PDB file of N, CA and C in Angstrom:
ATOM      1  N   UNK A   1      -3.022 -15.067  -0.204  1.00  0.00           N
ATOM      2  CA  UNK A   1      -1.787 -15.750   0.116  1.00  0.00           C
ATOM      3  C   UNK A   1      -1.340 -15.419   1.540  1.00  0.00           C
ATOM      4  N   UNK A   2      -1.498 -14.139   1.901  1.00  0.00           N
ATOM      5  CA  UNK A   2      -1.085 -13.697   3.236  1.00  0.00           C
ATOM      6  C   UNK A   2      -1.906 -14.407   4.313  1.00  0.00           C
ATOM      7  N   UNK A   3      -3.227 -14.512   4.085  1.00  0.00           N
ATOM      8  CA  UNK A   3      -4.101 -15.152   5.065  1.00  0.00           C
ATOM      9  C   UNK A   3      -3.773 -16.635   5.191  1.00  0.00           C
ATOM     10  N   UNK A   4      -3.498 -17.297   4.084  1.00  0.00           N
ATOM     11  CA  UNK A   4      -3.134 -18.712   4.120  1.00  0.00           C
ATOM     12  C   UNK A   4      -1.857 -18.935   4.925  1.00  0.00           C
ATOM     13  N   UNK A   5      -0.843 -18.124   4.681  1.00  0.00           N
ATOM     14  CA  UNK A   5       0.408 -18.267   5.430  1.00  0.00           C
ATOM     15  C   UNK A   5       0.225 -17.954   6.907  1.00  0.00           C
ATOM     16  N   UNK A   6      -0.647 -17.010   7.216  1.00  0.00           N
ATOM     17  CA  UNK A   6      -0.921 -16.685   8.618  1.00  0.00           C
ATOM     18  C   UNK A   6      -1.604 -17.857   9.316  1.00  0.00           C
ATOM     19  N   UNK A   7      -2.524 -18.529   8.639  1.00  0.00           N
ATOM     20  CA  UNK A   7      -3.183 -19.700   9.222  1.00  0.00           C
ATOM     21  C   UNK A   7      -2.179 -20.825   9.423  1.00  0.00           C
ATOM     22  N   UNK A   8      -1.285 -21.036   8.456  1.00  0.00           N
ATOM     23  CA  UNK A   8      -0.242 -22.059   8.597  1.00  0.00           C
ATOM     24  C   UNK A   8       0.665 -21.727   9.778  1.00  0.00           C
ATOM     25  N   UNK A   9       0.973 -20.449   9.972  1.00  0.00           N
ATOM     26  CA  UNK A   9       1.812 -20.035  11.099  1.00  0.00           C
ATOM     27  C   UNK A   9       1.124 -20.337  12.427  1.00  0.00           C
ATOM     28  N   UNK A  10      -0.161 -20.096  12.531  1.00  0.00           N
ATOM     29  CA  UNK A  10      -0.895 -20.360  13.772  1.00  0.00           C
ATOM     30  C   UNK A  10      -0.944 -21.863  14.050  1.00  0.00           C
ATOM     31  N   UNK A  11      -1.210 -22.663  13.013  1.00  0.00           N
ATOM     32  CA  UNK A  11      -1.225 -24.118  13.192  1.00  0.00           C
ATOM     33  C   UNK A  11       0.154 -24.614  13.604  1.00  0.00           C
ATOM     34  N   UNK A  12       1.197 -24.076  12.991  1.00  0.00           N
ATOM     35  CA  UNK A  12       2.565 -24.448  13.350  1.00  0.00           C
ATOM     36  C   UNK A  12       2.870 -24.081  14.798  1.00  0.00           C
ATOM     37  N   UNK A  13       2.388 -22.940  15.250  1.00  0.00           N
ATOM     38  CA  UNK A  13       2.625 -22.536  16.635  1.00  0.00           C
ATOM     39  C   UNK A  13       1.957 -23.496  17.612  1.00  0.00           C
ATOM     40  N   UNK A  14       0.761 -23.964  17.275  1.00  0.00           N
ATOM     41  CA  UNK A  14       0.061 -24.914  18.149  1.00  0.00           C
ATOM     42  C   UNK A  14       0.792 -26.251  18.182  1.00  0.00           C
ATOM     43  N   UNK A  15       1.213 -26.747  17.008  1.00  0.00           N
ATOM     44  CA  UNK A  15       1.951 -28.012  16.946  1.00  0.00           C
ATOM     45  C   UNK A  15       3.288 -27.891  17.665  1.00  0.00           C
ATOM     46  N   UNK A  16       3.967 -26.773  17.476  1.00  0.00           N
ATOM     47  CA  UNK A  16       5.268 -26.573  18.109  1.00  0.00           C
ATOM     48  C   UNK A  16       5.146 -26.529  19.629  1.00  0.00           C
ATOM     49  N   UNK A  17       4.169 -25.788  20.130  1.00  0.00           N
ATOM     50  CA  UNK A  17       4.017 -25.709  21.584  1.00  0.00           C
ATOM     51  C   UNK A  17       3.619 -27.057  22.175  1.00  0.00           C
ATOM     52  N   UNK A  18       2.796 -27.815  21.455  1.00  0.00           N
ATOM     53  CA  UNK A  18       2.420 -29.148  21.930  1.00  0.00           C
ATOM     54  C   UNK A  18       3.629 -30.078  21.957  1.00  0.00           C
ATOM     55  N   UNK A  19       4.443 -30.049  20.926  1.00  0.00           N
ATOM     56  CA  UNK A  19       5.626 -30.912  20.870  1.00  0.00           C
ATOM     57  C   UNK A  19       6.619 -30.550  21.962  1.00  0.00           C
ATOM     58  N   UNK A  20       6.767 -29.271  22.238  1.00  0.00           N
ATOM     59  CA  UNK A  20       7.709 -28.847  23.282  1.00  0.00           C
ATOM     60  C   UNK A  20       7.198 -29.255  24.658  1.00  0.00           C
ATOM     61  N   UNK A  21       5.897 -29.104  24.880  1.00  0.00           N
ATOM     62  CA  UNK A  21       5.346 -29.464  26.190  1.00  0.00           C
ATOM     63  C   UNK A  21       5.349 -30.969  26.434  1.00  0.00           C
ATOM     64  N   UNK A  22       5.247 -31.775  25.397  1.00  0.00           N
ATOM     65  CA  UNK A  22       5.243 -33.225  25.567  1.00  0.00           C
ATOM     66  C   UNK A  22       6.637 -33.817  25.750  1.00  0.00           C
ATOM     67  N   UNK A  23       7.677 -33.078  25.436  1.00  0.00           N
ATOM     68  CA  UNK A  23       9.030 -33.603  25.595  1.00  0.00           C
ATOM     69  C   UNK A  23       9.362 -33.741  27.066  1.00  0.00           C
ATOM     70  N   UNK A  24      10.111 -34.771  27.372  1.00  0.00           N
ATOM     71  CA  UNK A  24      10.536 -34.941  28.758  1.00  0.00           C
ATOM     72  C   UNK A  24      11.844 -34.198  28.964  1.00  0.00           C
ATOM     73  N   UNK A  25      11.859 -33.413  29.992  1.00  0.00           N
ATOM     74  CA  UNK A  25      13.068 -32.680  30.325  1.00  0.00           C
ATOM     75  C   UNK A  25      13.816 -33.404  31.431  1.00  0.00           C
ATOM     76  N   UNK A  26      14.596 -32.674  32.195  1.00  0.00           N
ATOM     77  CA  UNK A  26      15.348 -33.270  33.288  1.00  0.00           C
ATOM     78  C   UNK A  26      14.423 -33.752  34.407  1.00  0.00           C
ATOM     79  N   UNK A  27      13.320 -33.074  34.602  1.00  0.00           N
ATOM     80  CA  UNK A  27      12.405 -33.452  35.667  1.00  0.00           C
ATOM     81  C   UNK A  27      11.265 -34.326  35.197  1.00  0.00           C
ATOM     82  N   UNK A  28      11.271 -34.829  33.999  1.00  0.00           N
ATOM     83  CA  UNK A  28      10.202 -35.677  33.507  1.00  0.00           C
ATOM     84  C   UNK A  28       9.259 -34.935  32.598  1.00  0.00           C
ATOM     85  N   UNK A  29       8.977 -33.677  32.886  1.00  0.00           N
ATOM     86  CA  UNK A  29       8.140 -32.854  32.025  1.00  0.00           C
ATOM     87  C   UNK A  29       6.696 -33.314  31.968  1.00  0.00           C
ATOM     88  N   UNK A  30       5.964 -32.754  31.058  1.00  0.00           N
ATOM     89  CA  UNK A  30       4.563 -33.072  30.873  1.00  0.00           C
ATOM     90  C   UNK A  30       4.399 -34.444  30.236  1.00  0.00           C
ATOM     91  N   UNK A  31       5.422 -34.916  29.528  1.00  0.00           N
ATOM     92  CA  UNK A  31       5.345 -36.227  28.889  1.00  0.00           C
ATOM     93  C   UNK A  31       5.237 -37.335  29.930  1.00  0.00           C
ATOM     94  N   UNK A  32       5.831 -37.158  31.082  1.00  0.00           N
ATOM     95  CA  UNK A  32       5.751 -38.172  32.134  1.00  0.00           C
ATOM     96  C   UNK A  32       4.335 -38.281  32.680  1.00  0.00           C
ATOM     97  N   UNK A  33       3.590 -37.201  32.667  1.00  0.00           N
ATOM     98  CA  UNK A  33       2.209 -37.228  33.158  1.00  0.00           C
ATOM     99  C   UNK A  33       1.317 -38.072  32.268  1.00  0.00           C
ATOM    100  N   UNK A  34       1.610 -38.113  30.982  1.00  0.00           N
ATOM    101  CA  UNK A  34       0.808 -38.884  30.046  1.00  0.00           C
ATOM    102  C   UNK A  34       1.394 -40.275  29.789  1.00  0.00           C
ATOM    103  N   UNK A  35       2.409 -40.641  30.521  1.00  0.00           N
ATOM    104  CA  UNK A  35       2.981 -41.969  30.371  1.00  0.00           C
ATOM    105  C   UNK A  35       4.036 -42.088  29.297  1.00  0.00           C
ATOM    106  N   UNK A  36       4.498 -40.994  28.750  1.00  0.00           N
ATOM    107  CA  UNK A  36       5.477 -41.053  27.673  1.00  0.00           C
ATOM    108  C   UNK A  36       6.879 -41.365  28.137  1.00  0.00           C
ATOM    109  N   UNK A  37       7.236 -40.970  29.366  1.00  0.00           N
ATOM    110  CA  UNK A  37       8.614 -41.142  29.809  1.00  0.00           C
ATOM    111  C   UNK A  37       8.795 -42.346  30.713  1.00  0.00           C
ATOM    112  N   UNK A  38       7.751 -42.743  31.434  1.00  0.00           N
ATOM    113  CA  UNK A  38       7.950 -43.810  32.404  1.00  0.00           C
ATOM    114  C   UNK A  38       7.309 -45.126  31.998  1.00  0.00           C
ATOM    115  N   UNK A  39       6.452 -45.117  31.022  1.00  0.00           N
ATOM    116  CA  UNK A  39       5.755 -46.333  30.625  1.00  0.00           C
ATOM    117  C   UNK A  39       6.598 -47.129  29.648  1.00  0.00           C
ATOM    118  N   UNK A  40       6.915 -48.364  30.035  1.00  0.00           N
ATOM    119  CA  UNK A  40       7.730 -49.188  29.142  1.00  0.00           C
ATOM    120  C   UNK A  40       6.885 -49.870  28.084  1.00  0.00           C
ATOM    121  N   UNK A  41       5.566 -49.941  28.290  1.00  0.00           N
ATOM    122  CA  UNK A  41       4.713 -50.602  27.315  1.00  0.00           C
ATOM    123  C   UNK A  41       3.971 -49.599  26.439  1.00  0.00           C
ATOM    124  N   UNK A  42       4.541 -48.433  26.272  1.00  0.00           N
ATOM    125  CA  UNK A  42       3.905 -47.409  25.429  1.00  0.00           C
ATOM    126  C   UNK A  42       3.944 -47.847  23.969  1.00  0.00           C
ATOM    127  N   UNK A  43       3.075 -47.235  23.173  1.00  0.00           N
ATOM    128  CA  UNK A  43       3.016 -47.568  21.747  1.00  0.00           C
ATOM    129  C   UNK A  43       4.378 -47.320  21.091  1.00  0.00           C
ATOM    130  N   UNK A  44       4.955 -46.174  21.380  1.00  0.00           N
ATOM    131  CA  UNK A  44       6.306 -45.886  20.917  1.00  0.00           C
ATOM    132  C   UNK A  44       7.189 -45.874  22.156  1.00  0.00           C
ATOM    133  N   UNK A  45       8.339 -46.430  22.086  1.00  0.00           N
ATOM    134  CA  UNK A  45       9.235 -46.426  23.233  1.00  0.00           C
ATOM    135  C   UNK A  45       9.647 -45.014  23.599  1.00  0.00           C
ATOM    136  N   UNK A  46      10.206 -44.828  24.771  1.00  0.00           N
ATOM    137  CA  UNK A  46      10.565 -43.485  25.228  1.00  0.00           C
ATOM    138  C   UNK A  46      11.648 -42.878  24.362  1.00  0.00           C
ATOM    139  N   UNK A  47      12.563 -43.665  23.895  1.00  0.00           N
ATOM    140  CA  UNK A  47      13.648 -43.149  23.058  1.00  0.00           C
ATOM    141  C   UNK A  47      13.099 -42.697  21.699  1.00  0.00           C
ATOM    142  N   UNK A  48      12.224 -43.502  21.110  1.00  0.00           N
ATOM    143  CA  UNK A  48      11.682 -43.154  19.802  1.00  0.00           C
ATOM    144  C   UNK A  48      10.757 -41.938  19.909  1.00  0.00           C
ATOM    145  N   UNK A  49       9.948 -41.876  20.979  1.00  0.00           N
ATOM    146  CA  UNK A  49       9.070 -40.722  21.156  1.00  0.00           C
ATOM    147  C   UNK A  49       9.900 -39.452  21.348  1.00  0.00           C
ATOM    148  N   UNK A  50      11.000 -39.559  22.047  1.00  0.00           N
ATOM    149  CA  UNK A  50      11.874 -38.402  22.236  1.00  0.00           C
ATOM    150  C   UNK A  50      12.469 -37.932  20.930  1.00  0.00           C
ATOM    151  N   UNK A  51      12.854 -38.865  20.075  1.00  0.00           N
ATOM    152  CA  UNK A  51      13.417 -38.492  18.781  1.00  0.00           C
ATOM    153  C   UNK A  51      12.376 -37.827  17.896  1.00  0.00           C
ATOM    154  N   UNK A  52      11.154 -38.354  17.889  1.00  0.00           N
ATOM    155  CA  UNK A  52      10.101 -37.775  17.047  1.00  0.00           C
ATOM    156  C   UNK A  52       9.735 -36.382  17.552  1.00  0.00           C
ATOM    157  N   UNK A  53       9.576 -36.231  18.848  1.00  0.00           N
ATOM    158  CA  UNK A  53       9.219 -34.924  19.409  1.00  0.00           C
ATOM    159  C   UNK A  53      10.331 -33.904  19.201  1.00  0.00           C
ATOM    160  N   UNK A  54      11.574 -34.359  19.298  1.00  0.00           N
ATOM    161  CA  UNK A  54      12.692 -33.452  19.059  1.00  0.00           C
ATOM    162  C   UNK A  54      12.724 -33.011  17.598  1.00  0.00           C
ATOM    163  N   UNK A  55      12.479 -33.945  16.688  1.00  0.00           N
ATOM    164  CA  UNK A  55      12.459 -33.616  15.264  1.00  0.00           C
ATOM    165  C   UNK A  55      11.315 -32.658  14.939  1.00  0.00           C
ATOM    166  N   UNK A  56      10.130 -32.929  15.521  1.00  0.00           N
ATOM    167  CA  UNK A  56       8.989 -32.033  15.303  1.00  0.00           C
ATOM    168  C   UNK A  56       9.297 -30.638  15.850  1.00  0.00           C
ATOM    169  N   UNK A  57       9.966 -30.572  16.986  1.00  0.00           N
ATOM    170  CA  UNK A  57      10.302 -29.269  17.580  1.00  0.00           C
ATOM    171  C   UNK A  57      11.261 -28.482  16.689  1.00  0.00           C
ATOM    172  N   UNK A  58      12.291 -29.155  16.180  1.00  0.00           N
ATOM    173  CA  UNK A  58      13.257 -28.462  15.326  1.00  0.00           C
ATOM    174  C   UNK A  58      12.615 -27.993  14.025  1.00  0.00           C
ATOM    175  N   UNK A  59      11.868 -28.869  13.371  1.00  0.00           N
ATOM    176  CA  UNK A  59      11.227 -28.499  12.115  1.00  0.00           C
ATOM    177  C   UNK A  59      10.149 -27.443  12.342  1.00  0.00           C
ATOM    178  N   UNK A  60       9.398 -27.593  13.413  1.00  0.00           N
ATOM    179  CA  UNK A  60       8.358 -26.600  13.725  1.00  0.00           C
ATOM    180  C   UNK A  60       8.939 -25.237  14.035  1.00  0.00           C
ATOM    181  N   UNK A  61      10.047 -25.219  14.774  1.00  0.00           N
ATOM    182  CA  UNK A  61      10.703 -23.944  15.073  1.00  0.00           C
ATOM    183  C   UNK A  61      11.268 -23.278  13.833  1.00  0.00           C
ATOM    184  N   UNK A  62      11.879 -24.068  12.968  1.00  0.00           N
ATOM    185  CA  UNK A  62      12.419 -23.513  11.720  1.00  0.00           C
ATOM    186  C   UNK A  62      11.323 -22.994  10.804  1.00  0.00           C
ATOM    187  N   UNK A  63      10.221 -23.748  10.720  1.00  0.00           N
ATOM    188  CA  UNK A  63       9.092 -23.315   9.900  1.00  0.00           C
ATOM    189  C   UNK A  63       8.461 -22.054  10.466  1.00  0.00           C
ATOM    190  N   UNK A  64       8.378 -21.973  11.797  1.00  0.00           N
ATOM    191  CA  UNK A  64       7.804 -20.794  12.441  1.00  0.00           C
ATOM    192  C   UNK A  64       8.634 -19.547  12.140  1.00  0.00           C
ATOM    193  N   UNK A  65       9.935 -19.660  12.278  1.00  0.00           N
ATOM    194  CA  UNK A  65      10.812 -18.512  12.011  1.00  0.00           C
ATOM    195  C   UNK A  65      10.752 -18.121  10.529  1.00  0.00           C
ATOM    196  N   UNK A  66      10.761 -19.125   9.643  1.00  0.00           N
ATOM    197  CA  UNK A  66      10.690 -18.841   8.210  1.00  0.00           C
ATOM    198  C   UNK A  66       9.388 -18.163   7.813  1.00  0.00           C
ATOM    199  N   UNK A  67       8.258 -18.685   8.322  1.00  0.00           N
ATOM    200  CA  UNK A  67       6.962 -18.086   8.003  1.00  0.00           C
ATOM    201  C   UNK A  67       6.838 -16.680   8.585  1.00  0.00           C
ATOM    202  N   UNK A  68       7.339 -16.494   9.797  1.00  0.00           N
ATOM    203  CA  UNK A  68       7.273 -15.160  10.402  1.00  0.00           C
ATOM    204  C   UNK A  68       8.077 -14.158   9.579  1.00  0.00           C
ATOM    205  N   UNK A  69       9.218 -14.578   9.072  1.00  0.00           N
ATOM    206  CA  UNK A  69      10.046 -13.700   8.245  1.00  0.00           C
ATOM    207  C   UNK A  69       9.353 -13.352   6.931  1.00  0.00           C
ATOM    208  N   UNK A  70       8.779 -14.366   6.280  1.00  0.00           N
ATOM    209  CA  UNK A  70       8.083 -14.132   5.008  1.00  0.00           C
ATOM    210  C   UNK A  70       6.868 -13.232   5.212  1.00  0.00           C
ATOM    211  N   UNK A  71       6.097 -13.471   6.272  1.00  0.00           N
ATOM    212  CA  UNK A  71       4.918 -12.643   6.540  1.00  0.00           C
ATOM    213  C   UNK A  71       5.301 -11.207   6.860  1.00  0.00           C
ATOM    214  N   UNK A  72       6.417 -11.019   7.533  1.00  0.00           N
ATOM    215  CA  UNK A  72       6.868  -9.662   7.836  1.00  0.00           C
ATOM    216  C   UNK A  72       7.238  -8.923   6.556  1.00  0.00           C
ATOM    217  N   UNK A  73       7.907  -9.586   5.645  1.00  0.00           N
ATOM    218  CA  UNK A  73       8.269  -8.954   4.372  1.00  0.00           C
ATOM    219  C   UNK A  73       7.013  -8.657   3.554  1.00  0.00           C
ATOM    220  N   UNK A  74       6.071  -9.593   3.546  1.00  0.00           N
ATOM    221  CA  UNK A  74       4.831  -9.381   2.783  1.00  0.00           C
ATOM    222  C   UNK A  74       4.009  -8.224   3.341  1.00  0.00           C
ATOM    223  N   UNK A  75       3.995  -8.074   4.650  1.00  0.00           N
ATOM    224  CA  UNK A  75       3.176  -7.009   5.238  1.00  0.00           C
ATOM    225  C   UNK A  75       3.792  -5.636   5.033  1.00  0.00           C
ATOM    226  N   UNK A  76       5.096  -5.560   4.911  1.00  0.00           N
ATOM    227  CA  UNK A  76       5.726  -4.255   4.737  1.00  0.00           C
ATOM    228  C   UNK A  76       5.701  -3.794   3.284  1.00  0.00           C
ATOM    229  N   UNK A  77       5.436  -4.689   2.347  1.00  0.00           N
ATOM    230  CA  UNK A  77       5.448  -4.331   0.927  1.00  0.00           C
ATOM    231  C   UNK A  77       4.060  -4.372   0.294  1.00  0.00           C
ATOM    232  N   UNK A  78       3.009  -4.258   1.097  1.00  0.00           N
ATOM    233  CA  UNK A  78       1.668  -4.365   0.531  1.00  0.00           C
ATOM    234  C   UNK A  78       1.300  -3.137  -0.285  1.00  0.00           C
ATOM    235  N   UNK A  79       1.559  -1.953   0.227  1.00  0.00           N
ATOM    236  CA  UNK A  79       1.199  -0.736  -0.495  1.00  0.00           C
ATOM    237  C   UNK A  79       2.232   0.338  -0.191  1.00  0.00           C
ATOM    238  N   UNK A  80       2.474   1.156  -1.197  1.00  0.00           N
ATOM    239  CA  UNK A  80       3.405   2.258  -0.995  1.00  0.00           C
ATOM    240  C   UNK A  80       2.730   3.317  -0.131  1.00  0.00           C
ATOM    241  N   UNK A  81       3.415   3.761   0.850  1.00  0.00           N
ATOM    242  CA  UNK A  81       2.855   4.773   1.726  1.00  0.00           C
ATOM    243  C   UNK A  81       2.912   6.135   1.061  1.00  0.00           C
ATOM    244  N   UNK A  82       1.843   6.864   1.161  1.00  0.00           N
ATOM    245  CA  UNK A  82       1.794   8.199   0.595  1.00  0.00           C
ATOM    246  C   UNK A  82       1.462   9.187   1.687  1.00  0.00           C
ATOM    247  N   UNK A  83       1.850  10.395   1.464  1.00  0.00           N
ATOM    248  CA  UNK A  83       1.596  11.457   2.414  1.00  0.00           C
ATOM    249  C   UNK A  83       0.484  12.347   1.891  1.00  0.00           C
ATOM    250  N   UNK A  84      -0.235  12.946   2.792  1.00  0.00           N
ATOM    251  CA  UNK A  84      -1.270  13.897   2.403  1.00  0.00           C
ATOM    252  C   UNK A  84      -0.624  15.106   1.738  1.00  0.00           C
ATOM    253  N   UNK A  85       0.587  15.417   2.126  1.00  0.00           N
ATOM    254  CA  UNK A  85       1.275  16.576   1.571  1.00  0.00           C
ATOM    255  C   UNK A  85       1.688  16.357   0.112  1.00  0.00           C
ATOM    256  N   UNK A  86       1.778  15.093  -0.312  1.00  0.00           N
ATOM    257  CA  UNK A  86       2.149  14.814  -1.697  1.00  0.00           C
ATOM    258  C   UNK A  86       0.999  15.046  -2.673  1.00  0.00           C
ATOM    259  N   UNK A  87      -0.218  15.084  -2.173  1.00  0.00           N
ATOM    260  CA  UNK A  87      -1.371  15.262  -3.049  1.00  0.00           C
ATOM    261  C   UNK A  87      -1.493  16.718  -3.468  1.00  0.00           C
ATOM    262  N   UNK A  88      -2.002  16.929  -4.682  1.00  0.00           N
ATOM    263  CA  UNK A  88      -2.180  18.294  -5.172  1.00  0.00           C
ATOM    264  C   UNK A  88      -3.548  18.819  -4.764  1.00  0.00           C
ATOM    265  N   UNK A  89      -3.620  20.115  -4.622  1.00  0.00           N
ATOM    266  CA  UNK A  89      -4.882  20.748  -4.286  1.00  0.00           C
ATOM    267  C   UNK A  89      -5.705  20.909  -5.562  1.00  0.00           C
ATOM    268  N   UNK A  90      -6.997  20.737  -5.431  1.00  0.00           N
ATOM    269  CA  UNK A  90      -7.863  20.940  -6.591  1.00  0.00           C
ATOM    270  C   UNK A  90      -8.650  22.224  -6.373  1.00  0.00           C
ATOM    271  N   UNK A  91      -8.563  23.111  -7.330  1.00  0.00           N
ATOM    272  CA  UNK A  91      -9.300  24.377  -7.252  1.00  0.00           C
ATOM    273  C   UNK A  91     -10.648  24.186  -7.924  1.00  0.00           C
ATOM    274  N   UNK A  92     -11.636  23.874  -7.116  1.00  0.00           N
ATOM    275  CA  UNK A  92     -12.966  23.665  -7.653  1.00  0.00           C
ATOM    276  C   UNK A  92     -13.680  25.005  -7.746  1.00  0.00           C
ATOM    277  N   UNK A  93     -14.444  25.218  -8.812  1.00  0.00           N
ATOM    278  CA  UNK A  93     -15.191  26.478  -8.921  1.00  0.00           C
ATOM    279  C   UNK A  93     -16.307  26.516  -7.868  1.00  0.00           C
ATOM    280  N   UNK A  94     -16.706  27.725  -7.532  1.00  0.00           N
ATOM    281  CA  UNK A  94     -17.774  27.906  -6.559  1.00  0.00           C
ATOM    282  C   UNK A  94     -19.071  27.353  -7.132  1.00  0.00           C
ATOM    283  N   UNK A  95     -19.927  26.799  -6.295  1.00  0.00           N
ATOM    284  CA  UNK A  95     -21.179  26.233  -6.803  1.00  0.00           C
ATOM    285  C   UNK A  95     -22.099  27.331  -7.344  1.00  0.00           C
ATOM    286  N   UNK A  96     -22.854  26.971  -8.347  1.00  0.00           N
ATOM    287  CA  UNK A  96     -23.764  27.913  -8.985  1.00  0.00           C
ATOM    288  C   UNK A  96     -25.170  27.692  -8.432  1.00  0.00           C
ATOM    289  N   UNK A  97     -25.836  28.788  -8.038  1.00  0.00           N
ATOM    290  CA  UNK A  97     -27.202  28.678  -7.526  1.00  0.00           C
ATOM    291  C   UNK A  97     -28.127  28.351  -8.694  1.00  0.00           C
ATOM    292  N   UNK A  98     -28.976  27.361  -8.570  1.00  0.00           N
ATOM    293  CA  UNK A  98     -29.798  26.940  -9.700  1.00  0.00           C
ATOM    294  C   UNK A  98     -30.881  27.940 -10.088  1.00  0.00           C
ATOM    295  N   UNK A  99     -31.401  28.715  -9.161  1.00  0.00           N
ATOM    296  CA  UNK A  99     -32.539  29.586  -9.473  1.00  0.00           C
ATOM    297  C   UNK A  99     -32.099  30.829 -10.256  1.00  0.00           C
ATOM    298  N   UNK A 100     -31.033  31.499  -9.863  1.00  0.00           N
ATOM    299  CA  UNK A 100     -30.665  32.765 -10.474  1.00  0.00           C
ATOM    300  C   UNK A 100     -29.584  32.636 -11.532  1.00  0.00           C
ATOM    301  N   UNK A 101     -28.819  31.545 -11.483  1.00  0.00           N
ATOM    302  CA  UNK A 101     -27.748  31.395 -12.453  1.00  0.00           C
ATOM    303  C   UNK A 101     -26.492  32.155 -12.040  1.00  0.00           C
ATOM    304  N   UNK A 102     -26.483  32.722 -10.836  1.00  0.00           N
ATOM    305  CA  UNK A 102     -25.296  33.414 -10.352  1.00  0.00           C
ATOM    306  C   UNK A 102     -24.576  32.523  -9.369  1.00  0.00           C
ATOM    307  N   UNK A 103     -23.385  32.910  -9.052  1.00  0.00           N
ATOM    308  CA  UNK A 103     -22.606  32.132  -8.102  1.00  0.00           C
ATOM    309  C   UNK A 103     -23.209  32.275  -6.708  1.00  0.00           C
ATOM    310  N   UNK A 104     -23.184  31.173  -5.957  1.00  0.00           N
ATOM    311  CA  UNK A 104     -23.715  31.185  -4.592  1.00  0.00           C
ATOM    312  C   UNK A 104     -22.775  31.977  -3.703  1.00  0.00           C
ATOM    313  N   UNK A 105     -23.347  32.563  -2.701  1.00  0.00           N
ATOM    314  CA  UNK A 105     -22.552  33.358  -1.759  1.00  0.00           C
ATOM    315  C   UNK A 105     -21.657  32.431  -0.954  1.00  0.00           C
ATOM    316  N   UNK A 106     -20.483  32.913  -0.675  1.00  0.00           N
ATOM    317  CA  UNK A 106     -19.550  32.133   0.117  1.00  0.00           C
ATOM    318  C   UNK A 106     -20.070  32.049   1.549  1.00  0.00           C
ATOM    319  N   UNK A 107     -19.836  30.952   2.206  1.00  0.00           N
ATOM    320  CA  UNK A 107     -20.299  30.850   3.589  1.00  0.00           C
ATOM    321  C   UNK A 107     -19.557  31.841   4.472  1.00  0.00           C
ATOM    322  N   UNK A 108     -20.242  32.234   5.528  1.00  0.00           N
ATOM    323  CA  UNK A 108     -19.611  33.203   6.432  1.00  0.00           C
ATOM    324  C   UNK A 108     -18.453  32.537   7.152  1.00  0.00           C
ATOM    325  N   UNK A 109     -17.407  33.279   7.350  1.00  0.00           N
ATOM    326  CA  UNK A 109     -16.200  32.766   7.961  1.00  0.00           C
ATOM    327  C   UNK A 109     -16.079  33.349   9.352  1.00  0.00           C
ATOM    328  N   UNK A 110     -15.850  32.510  10.327  1.00  0.00           N
ATOM    329  CA  UNK A 110     -15.677  32.968  11.699  1.00  0.00           C
ATOM    330  C   UNK A 110     -14.200  33.235  11.913  1.00  0.00           C
ATOM    331  N   UNK A 111     -13.838  34.432  12.397  1.00  0.00           N
ATOM    332  CA  UNK A 111     -12.417  34.716  12.610  1.00  0.00           C
ATOM    333  C   UNK A 111     -11.866  33.846  13.724  1.00  0.00           C
ATOM    334  N   UNK A 112     -10.599  33.466  13.569  1.00  0.00           N
ATOM    335  CA  UNK A 112      -9.956  32.630  14.559  1.00  0.00           C
ATOM    336  C   UNK A 112      -9.343  33.426  15.703  1.00  0.00           C
ATOM    337  N   UNK A 113      -9.171  34.725  15.505  1.00  0.00           N
ATOM    338  CA  UNK A 113      -8.579  35.543  16.566  1.00  0.00           C
ATOM    339  C   UNK A 113      -9.676  35.980  17.522  1.00  0.00           C
ATOM    340  N   UNK A 114      -9.384  36.016  18.812  1.00  0.00           N
ATOM    341  CA  UNK A 114     -10.422  36.441  19.769  1.00  0.00           C
ATOM    342  C   UNK A 114     -10.715  37.924  19.619  1.00  0.00           C
ATOM    343  N   UNK A 115     -11.941  38.258  19.901  1.00  0.00           N
ATOM    344  CA  UNK A 115     -12.349  39.660  19.830  1.00  0.00           C
ATOM    345  C   UNK A 115     -11.675  40.448  20.958  1.00  0.00           C
ATOM    346  N   UNK A 116     -11.424  41.737  20.695  1.00  0.00           N
ATOM    347  CA  UNK A 116     -10.804  42.580  21.717  1.00  0.00           C
ATOM    348  C   UNK A 116     -11.781  42.747  22.878  1.00  0.00           C
ATOM    349  N   UNK A 117     -11.292  42.694  24.102  1.00  0.00           N
ATOM    350  CA  UNK A 117     -12.190  42.856  25.247  1.00  0.00           C
ATOM    351  C   UNK A 117     -12.791  44.272  25.267  1.00  0.00           C
ATOM    352  N   UNK A 118     -14.021  44.304  25.659  1.00  0.00           N
ATOM    353  CA  UNK A 118     -14.700  45.617  25.733  1.00  0.00           C
ATOM    354  C   UNK A 118     -14.058  46.434  26.858  1.00  0.00           C
ATOM    355  N   UNK A 119     -13.999  47.741  26.620  1.00  0.00           N
ATOM    356  CA  UNK A 119     -13.376  48.622  27.635  1.00  0.00           C
ATOM    357  C   UNK A 119     -14.284  48.640  28.871  1.00  0.00           C
ATOM    358  N   UNK A 120     -13.696  48.331  29.993  1.00  0.00           N
ATOM    359  CA  UNK A 120     -14.467  48.343  31.225  1.00  0.00           C
ATOM    360  C   UNK A 120     -14.522  49.744  31.782  1.00  0.00           C
ATOM    361  N   UNK A 121     -15.597  50.105  32.450  1.00  0.00           N
ATOM    362  CA  UNK A 121     -15.676  51.451  33.016  1.00  0.00           C
ATOM    363  C   UNK A 121     -14.558  51.665  34.024  1.00  0.00           C
ATOM    364  N   UNK A 122     -14.076  52.863  34.035  1.00  0.00           N
ATOM    365  CA  UNK A 122     -12.979  53.177  34.935  1.00  0.00           C
ATOM    366  C   UNK A 122     -13.449  53.044  36.375  1.00  0.00           C
ATOM    367  N   UNK A 123     -12.577  52.559  37.167  1.00  0.00           N
ATOM    368  CA  UNK A 123     -12.897  52.394  38.577  1.00  0.00           C
ATOM    369  C   UNK A 123     -12.994  53.760  39.241  1.00  0.00           C
ATOM    370  N   UNK A 124     -13.914  53.910  40.195  1.00  0.00           N
ATOM    371  CA  UNK A 124     -14.016  55.220  40.867  1.00  0.00           C
ATOM    372  C   UNK A 124     -12.731  55.564  41.581  1.00  0.00           C
ATOM    373  N   UNK A 125     -12.420  56.853  41.557  1.00  0.00           N
ATOM    374  CA  UNK A 125     -11.171  57.325  42.175  1.00  0.00           C
ATOM    375  C   UNK A 125     -11.380  57.768  43.564  1.00  0.00           C
TER     376      UNK A 125
END
């Protein structure tokens, strides 16, 4: 469902940006370049094309905001966040050596503290 709504949002964004770019503004806009604002023999008159593009822009903008809101809510409620600190520790028994039947020796542990520096010979007096 999330992927479907995301695809619809992307398609809506493309349609919305196209409708906004084709509208004629005060300077003629991109619609004038394609003959939408200055051509009197266009398939749709300039007034009707302006109304359709304006309607598409309003509906596209509303749909974009609505879908973005729904997708944001869906993404925040997908899974409950858990912390590593909330998990319990499991005390597993030491592994048993197969040949002798006794417990395996624990691995050697390297101390985290640095070793004390060796005493340097005293400087000659």
